[in-house]
N, C-alpha and C. Protein backbone atom coordinates (compact mmCIF):
# COMPACT_ATOMS: atom_id res chain seq x y z
N UNK A 1 95.85 102.89 87.11
CA UNK A 1 95.32 104.00 87.47
C UNK A 1 94.13 104.13 87.43
N UNK A 2 92.90 103.86 88.00
CA UNK A 2 92.03 103.93 87.30
C UNK A 2 91.01 105.39 88.32
N UNK A 3 89.60 105.05 87.38
CA UNK A 3 89.15 107.11 88.03
C UNK A 3 89.35 106.88 89.37
N UNK A 4 88.93 105.71 89.98
CA UNK A 4 88.63 105.61 91.21
C UNK A 4 90.21 106.14 92.37
N UNK A 5 90.88 105.44 92.15
CA UNK A 5 92.20 106.19 92.36
C UNK A 5 92.41 107.56 91.96
N UNK A 6 91.84 108.27 90.54
CA UNK A 6 92.17 109.24 91.06
C UNK A 6 91.94 109.93 91.84
N UNK A 7 89.77 110.18 91.90
CA UNK A 7 89.27 110.55 92.82
C UNK A 7 89.78 110.83 94.00
N UNK A 8 90.05 109.36 94.75
CA UNK A 8 91.13 110.02 95.93
C UNK A 8 91.81 109.87 96.28
N UNK A 9 93.25 109.74 95.84
CA UNK A 9 94.53 111.03 95.35
C UNK A 9 94.06 112.88 95.50
N UNK A 10 93.47 113.49 94.37
CA UNK A 10 92.35 114.12 94.70
C UNK A 10 91.81 114.75 95.53
N UNK A 11 91.53 113.99 96.64
CA UNK A 11 90.97 113.89 97.66
C UNK A 11 91.45 114.66 98.79
N UNK A 12 93.20 113.35 99.00
CA UNK A 12 93.86 113.52 99.54
C UNK A 12 94.83 114.85 99.19
N UNK A 13 94.81 115.45 97.70
CA UNK A 13 96.12 116.16 98.12
C UNK A 13 94.53 117.44 99.00
N UNK A 14 92.77 117.56 97.95
CA UNK A 14 92.99 118.60 98.80
C UNK A 14 92.61 118.39 100.37
N UNK A 15 92.89 117.26 100.65
CA UNK A 15 92.50 117.41 102.55
C UNK A 15 94.00 117.55 102.81
N UNK A 16 94.84 117.61 102.66
CA UNK A 16 96.10 117.92 102.91
C UNK A 16 96.86 118.97 102.73
N UNK A 17 96.01 120.12 102.23
CA UNK A 17 96.19 121.80 101.22
C UNK A 17 94.97 122.35 102.57
N UNK A 18 94.18 121.62 102.67
CA UNK A 18 93.13 122.75 103.35
C UNK A 18 92.91 122.95 104.93
N UNK A 19 93.00 123.75 105.60
CA UNK A 19 92.56 123.77 107.00
C UNK A 19 91.42 124.15 107.00
N UNK A 20 90.95 122.96 108.28
CA UNK A 20 89.54 122.58 108.63
C UNK A 20 89.35 123.42 109.95
N UNK A 21 87.81 123.86 109.86
CA UNK A 21 87.57 125.32 111.30
C UNK A 21 87.51 125.21 112.20
N UNK A 22 86.41 124.41 112.16
CA UNK A 22 86.03 123.32 113.15
C UNK A 22 85.25 121.82 113.36
N UNK A 23 86.12 121.33 114.16
CA UNK A 23 86.19 120.03 113.89
C UNK A 23 84.82 119.33 114.30
N UNK A 24 83.98 120.00 115.54
CA UNK A 24 83.12 120.23 115.63
C UNK A 24 81.55 120.53 114.73
N UNK A 25 81.98 120.53 113.56
CA UNK A 25 80.94 119.90 112.69
C UNK A 25 80.64 119.18 111.98
N UNK A 26 80.16 118.64 110.88
CA UNK A 26 80.01 117.72 110.21
C UNK A 26 81.23 117.50 109.14
N UNK A 27 81.61 116.07 108.53
CA UNK A 27 83.11 116.04 108.32
C UNK A 27 83.12 117.24 107.46
N UNK A 28 84.14 117.29 106.81
CA UNK A 28 84.63 117.61 105.87
C UNK A 28 84.16 116.97 104.70
N UNK A 29 83.85 117.81 103.59
CA UNK A 29 84.01 117.07 102.19
C UNK A 29 84.56 116.44 101.87
N UNK A 30 85.81 116.57 102.37
CA UNK A 30 86.50 115.60 101.35
C UNK A 30 87.09 114.95 102.16
N UNK A 31 87.28 114.92 103.11
CA UNK A 31 87.12 113.36 104.32
C UNK A 31 85.96 112.82 103.92
N UNK A 32 84.12 113.11 104.16
CA UNK A 32 83.65 112.44 103.36
C UNK A 32 83.45 111.51 102.03
N UNK A 33 84.01 112.48 101.34
CA UNK A 33 84.15 112.01 100.54
C UNK A 33 85.62 110.53 100.32
N UNK A 34 86.36 110.89 100.65
CA UNK A 34 87.43 109.93 101.05
C UNK A 34 86.37 108.86 101.66
N UNK A 35 86.28 108.62 102.63
CA UNK A 35 85.70 108.27 103.66
C UNK A 35 84.44 106.97 102.50
N UNK A 36 83.51 107.57 101.45
CA UNK A 36 83.00 106.32 101.04
C UNK A 36 83.12 105.72 100.03
N UNK A 37 84.62 106.39 99.24
CA UNK A 37 85.19 105.47 98.24
C UNK A 37 86.26 104.37 98.69
N UNK A 38 86.74 104.81 100.25
CA UNK A 38 86.80 103.51 100.69
C UNK A 38 86.55 102.41 101.13
N UNK A 39 85.02 103.20 101.55
CA UNK A 39 84.34 102.08 102.66
C UNK A 39 83.76 101.83 101.52
N UNK A 40 82.83 101.85 99.76
CA UNK A 40 82.28 101.35 98.82
C UNK A 40 83.38 99.71 98.64
N UNK A 41 84.47 99.87 99.33
CA UNK A 41 85.28 98.46 98.46
C UNK A 41 85.24 97.46 99.30
N UNK A 42 84.94 97.80 100.08
CA UNK A 42 85.54 97.30 101.99
C UNK A 42 83.72 95.80 102.20
N UNK A 43 83.69 95.02 102.68
CA UNK A 43 82.31 94.01 102.96
C UNK A 43 81.28 94.80 103.68
N UNK A 44 79.87 94.72 103.37
CA UNK A 44 79.27 95.66 103.88
C UNK A 44 79.24 95.91 105.24
N UNK A 45 79.29 94.25 106.03
CA UNK A 45 79.68 94.93 107.56
C UNK A 45 80.11 95.51 108.09
N UNK A 46 81.51 95.43 107.73
CA UNK A 46 82.62 96.06 107.83
C UNK A 46 82.30 97.83 107.48
N UNK A 47 81.82 97.95 106.43
CA UNK A 47 81.21 98.99 106.18
C UNK A 47 80.29 100.12 107.20
N UNK A 48 79.53 99.61 107.67
CA UNK A 48 78.64 100.29 108.55
C UNK A 48 78.93 100.06 109.91
N UNK A 49 79.90 99.23 110.21
CA UNK A 49 80.59 99.69 111.45
C UNK A 49 81.82 100.48 111.40
N UNK A 50 82.10 100.42 110.02
CA UNK A 50 83.42 101.82 110.85
C UNK A 50 82.63 103.12 110.40
N UNK A 51 81.17 102.90 109.99
CA UNK A 51 80.46 104.84 109.47
C UNK A 51 80.38 104.61 111.06
N UNK A 52 80.07 103.44 111.80
CA UNK A 52 79.62 103.68 113.80
C UNK A 52 80.55 104.86 113.75
N UNK A 53 81.71 103.91 113.89
CA UNK A 53 83.22 104.83 114.36
C UNK A 53 83.15 106.08 113.97
N UNK A 54 82.81 106.81 112.55
CA UNK A 54 83.44 108.16 112.06
C UNK A 54 82.57 108.95 112.51
N UNK A 55 81.29 108.43 112.61
CA UNK A 55 80.08 108.84 113.20
C UNK A 55 80.06 109.67 114.59
N UNK A 56 80.22 108.02 115.11
CA UNK A 56 80.43 108.10 116.95
C UNK A 56 82.32 109.73 117.39
N UNK A 57 82.82 109.27 116.39
CA UNK A 57 83.75 109.90 116.75
C UNK A 57 83.90 111.59 116.76
N UNK A 58 82.77 111.91 115.32
CA UNK A 58 82.06 113.40 114.85
C UNK A 58 81.79 113.89 116.07
N UNK A 59 80.97 112.47 116.62
CA UNK A 59 79.50 113.21 117.17
C UNK A 59 80.84 113.53 118.30
N UNK A 60 81.88 112.85 118.69
CA UNK A 60 82.43 113.61 120.64
C UNK A 60 83.59 114.72 119.63
N UNK A 61 83.17 115.29 118.57
CA UNK A 61 84.74 116.41 118.63
C UNK A 61 85.85 115.60 117.91
N UNK A 62 86.08 114.38 117.17
CA UNK A 62 86.99 114.55 116.32
C UNK A 62 86.75 113.91 114.43
N UNK A 63 87.06 114.30 113.93
CA UNK A 63 87.47 114.14 112.51
C UNK A 63 88.39 112.63 112.42
N UNK A 64 87.45 111.69 112.39
CA UNK A 64 88.75 110.68 111.64
C UNK A 64 88.04 109.77 109.77
N UNK A 65 89.40 109.49 109.22
CA UNK A 65 89.24 109.47 107.88
C UNK A 65 89.72 107.55 108.04
N UNK A 66 89.17 107.09 107.30
CA UNK A 66 89.74 105.70 106.33
C UNK A 66 90.82 106.16 105.59
N UNK A 67 91.68 105.90 105.79
CA UNK A 67 93.29 106.14 105.13
C UNK A 67 93.33 104.81 104.75
N UNK A 68 92.90 103.42 104.85
CA UNK A 68 92.78 102.75 104.09
C UNK A 68 92.59 101.24 103.98
N UNK A 69 91.38 101.31 102.66
CA UNK A 69 90.84 99.90 103.41
C UNK A 69 90.86 98.66 102.37
N UNK A 70 90.38 98.32 101.59
CA UNK A 70 90.59 96.99 100.65
C UNK A 70 91.69 97.41 100.10
N UNK A 71 92.82 96.18 99.78
CA UNK A 71 94.25 96.52 99.56
C UNK A 71 94.93 95.21 98.72
N UNK A 72 95.29 95.39 97.78
CA UNK A 72 95.50 94.20 96.78
C UNK A 72 97.23 93.66 97.66
N UNK A 73 97.15 92.51 97.75
CA UNK A 73 98.18 91.61 97.52
C UNK A 73 99.59 92.23 97.62
N UNK A 74 99.97 93.11 96.65
CA UNK A 74 101.11 93.10 96.37
C UNK A 74 101.44 94.63 96.73
N UNK A 75 100.07 95.43 97.29
CA UNK A 75 101.06 96.19 98.61
C UNK A 75 101.01 95.71 99.97
N UNK A 76 99.65 94.38 100.18
CA UNK A 76 100.70 94.05 101.66
C UNK A 76 101.54 93.58 101.63
N UNK A 77 102.25 92.51 100.25
CA UNK A 77 103.66 91.98 100.23
C UNK A 77 104.89 92.97 99.91
N UNK A 78 104.34 94.88 99.73
CA UNK A 78 105.32 95.64 99.97
C UNK A 78 105.64 96.30 101.20
N UNK A 79 104.43 96.15 101.82
CA UNK A 79 104.56 96.35 103.34
C UNK A 79 105.36 94.92 104.26
N UNK A 80 104.68 94.19 104.14
CA UNK A 80 105.83 92.73 104.60
C UNK A 80 107.05 92.96 104.83
N UNK A 81 107.75 93.65 103.11
CA UNK A 81 109.22 93.14 103.29
C UNK A 81 109.67 94.33 103.89
N UNK A 82 109.08 95.73 103.70
CA UNK A 82 109.50 96.93 104.88
C UNK A 82 109.70 95.92 106.47
N UNK A 83 111.66 96.56 106.14
CA UNK A 83 112.00 96.70 107.87
C UNK A 83 112.36 94.75 107.89
N UNK A 84 112.09 94.18 106.67
CA UNK A 84 113.04 92.44 106.05
C UNK A 84 113.92 92.70 105.19
N UNK A 85 113.12 93.06 103.80
CA UNK A 85 114.00 93.25 102.91
C UNK A 85 114.17 94.45 102.43
N UNK A 86 113.60 94.73 103.10
CA UNK A 86 113.98 96.93 102.66
C UNK A 86 114.01 97.42 104.05
N UNK A 87 113.68 98.93 103.86
CA UNK A 87 114.21 100.13 104.77
C UNK A 87 112.88 100.31 105.49
N UNK A 88 113.34 100.22 106.64
CA UNK A 88 112.37 100.91 107.47
C UNK A 88 111.70 99.64 108.47
N UNK A 89 111.05 99.97 109.77
CA UNK A 89 110.25 99.11 110.86
C UNK A 89 109.46 98.02 110.30
N UNK A 90 108.99 97.17 110.98
CA UNK A 90 108.16 96.26 110.52
C UNK A 90 107.37 96.87 110.93
N UNK A 91 105.60 96.27 110.20
CA UNK A 91 104.36 97.38 110.34
C UNK A 91 104.00 96.08 110.33
N UNK A 92 104.36 94.94 109.40
CA UNK A 92 103.17 93.93 109.39
C UNK A 92 103.40 92.40 109.46
N UNK A 93 102.89 91.54 110.05
CA UNK A 93 103.54 90.16 109.66
C UNK A 93 102.65 89.64 109.04
N UNK A 94 102.30 89.80 108.33
CA UNK A 94 100.52 89.39 106.94
C UNK A 94 101.17 89.75 106.07
N UNK A 95 101.41 87.86 105.29
CA UNK A 95 102.26 88.60 103.87
C UNK A 95 100.74 89.08 102.86
N UNK A 96 101.40 89.11 101.93
CA UNK A 96 100.07 89.43 100.88
C UNK A 96 99.04 88.17 100.41
N UNK A 97 98.22 88.85 100.81
CA UNK A 97 97.01 87.26 100.77
C UNK A 97 96.47 86.94 101.77
N UNK A 98 97.56 87.34 103.10
CA UNK A 98 97.16 86.91 104.58
C UNK A 98 96.24 87.89 105.67
N UNK A 99 96.23 88.88 104.85
CA UNK A 99 95.39 90.00 105.93
C UNK A 99 94.65 90.55 105.39
N UNK A 100 93.15 90.58 106.38
CA UNK A 100 92.34 91.23 106.61
C UNK A 100 91.56 92.23 105.24
N UNK A 101 92.93 92.67 105.60
CA UNK A 101 93.01 94.25 103.90
C UNK A 101 92.55 93.56 102.75
N UNK A 102 93.29 92.60 102.51
CA UNK A 102 93.13 91.91 100.82
C UNK A 102 91.86 91.46 100.92
N UNK A 103 91.18 91.05 102.20
CA UNK A 103 90.08 90.57 102.34
C UNK A 103 88.49 91.37 102.33
N UNK A 104 88.92 92.70 102.50
CA UNK A 104 87.93 93.54 102.54
C UNK A 104 87.19 93.93 103.91
N UNK A 105 88.12 93.08 104.81
CA UNK A 105 87.33 92.97 105.91
C UNK A 105 88.39 93.73 107.10
N UNK A 106 89.25 94.16 106.83
CA UNK A 106 89.46 95.92 107.03
C UNK A 106 90.11 96.83 107.22
N UNK A 107 89.84 97.82 108.15
CA UNK A 107 90.62 99.64 107.75
C UNK A 107 91.16 100.45 108.81
N UNK A 108 92.22 100.78 107.96
CA UNK A 108 93.22 101.54 108.60
C UNK A 108 92.54 103.31 108.83
N UNK A 109 92.50 103.82 109.95
CA UNK A 109 92.10 105.18 110.36
C UNK A 109 92.77 106.04 110.45
N UNK A 110 93.01 107.30 110.04
CA UNK A 110 93.66 108.59 110.22
C UNK A 110 92.99 109.34 110.67
N UNK A 111 93.22 110.67 111.72
CA UNK A 111 93.05 111.51 112.25
C UNK A 111 93.04 113.42 111.53
N UNK A 112 92.27 113.65 111.28
CA UNK A 112 92.23 115.12 110.91
C UNK A 112 92.00 115.68 111.59
N UNK A 113 93.79 116.25 111.75
CA UNK A 113 94.04 117.34 112.91
C UNK A 113 94.90 118.59 112.40
N UNK A 114 93.90 119.85 112.53
CA UNK A 114 94.56 121.04 111.57
C UNK A 114 93.81 121.21 109.88
N UNK A 115 93.42 120.18 109.60
CA UNK A 115 93.34 120.73 108.58
C UNK A 115 94.14 119.10 107.79
N UNK A 116 94.53 118.33 108.72
CA UNK A 116 95.98 118.16 107.52
C UNK A 116 95.63 115.79 108.45
N UNK A 117 96.00 115.03 107.54
CA UNK A 117 95.33 114.01 107.69
C UNK A 117 96.78 113.32 108.63
N UNK A 118 96.73 112.75 109.69
CA UNK A 118 97.96 111.71 110.91
C UNK A 118 97.32 110.56 110.97
N UNK A 119 98.29 109.87 111.53
CA UNK A 119 98.23 108.93 111.85
C UNK A 119 99.47 109.33 113.47
N UNK A 120 99.25 109.96 113.96
CA UNK A 120 100.46 109.92 115.43
C UNK A 120 100.17 110.45 116.34
N UNK A 121 100.71 109.17 117.32
CA UNK A 121 100.34 108.41 118.26
C UNK A 121 99.53 109.36 119.46
N UNK A 122 100.04 110.90 119.35
CA UNK A 122 99.06 111.54 120.15
C UNK A 122 97.69 111.57 119.92
N UNK A 123 97.27 111.06 118.80
CA UNK A 123 95.96 111.12 118.82
C UNK A 123 94.87 110.61 119.68
N UNK A 124 93.55 110.13 119.57
CA UNK A 124 92.87 109.67 120.93
C UNK A 124 92.62 108.28 120.48
N UNK A 125 93.57 107.40 120.04
CA UNK A 125 93.86 105.98 119.49
C UNK A 125 92.46 105.33 120.33
N UNK A 126 92.66 105.53 122.28
CA UNK A 126 91.78 105.13 122.71
C UNK A 126 90.91 104.79 123.03
N UNK A 127 90.25 105.68 122.58
CA UNK A 127 88.88 106.52 121.90
C UNK A 127 88.31 105.79 120.62
N UNK A 128 88.88 105.40 120.26
CA UNK A 128 88.85 105.22 118.75
C UNK A 128 88.39 104.02 119.39
N UNK A 129 89.83 103.14 118.99
CA UNK A 129 89.32 102.01 119.74
C UNK A 129 88.06 100.73 120.65
N UNK A 130 88.20 101.82 121.34
CA UNK A 130 86.47 102.02 122.51
C UNK A 130 85.47 101.66 121.38
N UNK A 131 85.17 102.86 120.71
CA UNK A 131 84.43 103.27 119.80
C UNK A 131 84.32 101.75 119.09
N UNK A 132 85.57 101.38 118.21
CA UNK A 132 85.54 100.24 117.44
C UNK A 132 84.43 99.44 117.85
N UNK A 133 85.64 98.67 119.58
CA UNK A 133 85.06 97.40 119.83
C UNK A 133 83.62 97.75 120.60
N UNK A 134 83.00 98.31 121.15
CA UNK A 134 81.13 98.82 121.28
C UNK A 134 80.81 98.13 120.03
N UNK A 135 81.47 98.43 118.77
CA UNK A 135 80.28 97.94 117.25
C UNK A 135 81.16 97.12 117.24
N UNK A 136 81.59 95.49 117.96
CA UNK A 136 82.20 94.82 117.57
C UNK A 136 83.09 94.09 117.11
N UNK A 137 84.08 95.93 116.98
CA UNK A 137 85.39 95.23 115.44
C UNK A 137 86.42 95.07 116.67
N UNK A 138 87.60 93.75 116.24
CA UNK A 138 88.58 94.12 116.89
C UNK A 138 89.20 95.15 116.66
N UNK A 139 89.91 95.66 117.88
CA UNK A 139 90.53 96.90 117.45
C UNK A 139 92.52 96.11 117.90
N UNK A 140 93.38 97.09 116.50
CA UNK A 140 94.71 96.14 116.22
C UNK A 140 95.83 97.15 117.14
N UNK A 141 95.40 98.23 117.97
CA UNK A 141 95.27 98.99 119.54
C UNK A 141 95.86 97.68 120.51
N UNK A 142 94.33 96.70 120.74
CA UNK A 142 94.52 95.75 121.31
C UNK A 142 96.14 94.43 121.12
N UNK A 143 96.54 94.16 119.69
CA UNK A 143 97.13 93.39 120.08
C UNK A 143 98.24 93.53 120.93
N UNK A 144 99.07 92.10 121.03
CA UNK A 144 100.40 91.87 121.47
C UNK A 144 101.75 91.99 121.26
N UNK A 145 101.67 91.45 119.62
CA UNK A 145 102.83 92.00 118.62
C UNK A 145 102.81 92.91 118.60
N UNK A 146 102.53 93.68 118.12
CA UNK A 146 102.46 94.51 117.23
C UNK A 146 101.07 95.67 117.31
N UNK A 147 101.30 96.50 118.25
CA UNK A 147 99.83 97.53 118.31
C UNK A 147 99.58 98.30 116.63
N UNK A 148 98.63 98.36 116.24
CA UNK A 148 98.05 99.26 114.96
C UNK A 148 97.26 99.82 115.50
N UNK A 149 97.54 100.85 116.25
CA UNK A 149 96.03 101.51 116.46
C UNK A 149 95.06 102.11 115.36
N UNK A 150 95.43 102.34 114.36
CA UNK A 150 94.74 102.76 113.35
C UNK A 150 94.18 101.78 112.68
N UNK A 151 94.50 100.39 112.93
CA UNK A 151 93.76 99.35 112.40
C UNK A 151 91.87 98.32 113.16
N UNK A 152 91.43 98.92 112.32
CA UNK A 152 89.98 98.08 113.32
C UNK A 152 89.46 96.80 111.57
N UNK A 153 88.85 95.16 112.62
CA UNK A 153 88.82 94.18 111.44
C UNK A 153 87.85 93.75 112.33
N UNK A 154 86.65 92.67 111.17
CA UNK A 154 85.54 92.33 111.23
C UNK A 154 86.07 91.36 111.48
């Protein structure tokens, strides 16, 4: 675990323990810090477009955070195993090395709801998808086989 991982984990712990008083204000510092850390590790074109999504969602009263950007092949392989050789539902059809996350060309978003990170289906994913597509991103909510509302990629 390197310093960046420790900072990201620290930011997540803070996010999960503090409540946000006004979602219409600018991003809370922990969310902004997490976004900056995750976006620093992805393709510069994606970084710019993902930041646009974050800013537009904030402008419309929603706080979103980049839950995951660049992903190791080992983590992707773990996700691929889920529902196949390990417990749980299938969450991806991409093996380690095949995902756009492995290339720094994809991010997954979460909403901040009542001060907590949330990937609930009740979040306004349609708006996030609309904004992402307006920025020229591919939105996982449009996938035919396995809807991935949190996911955007270049």
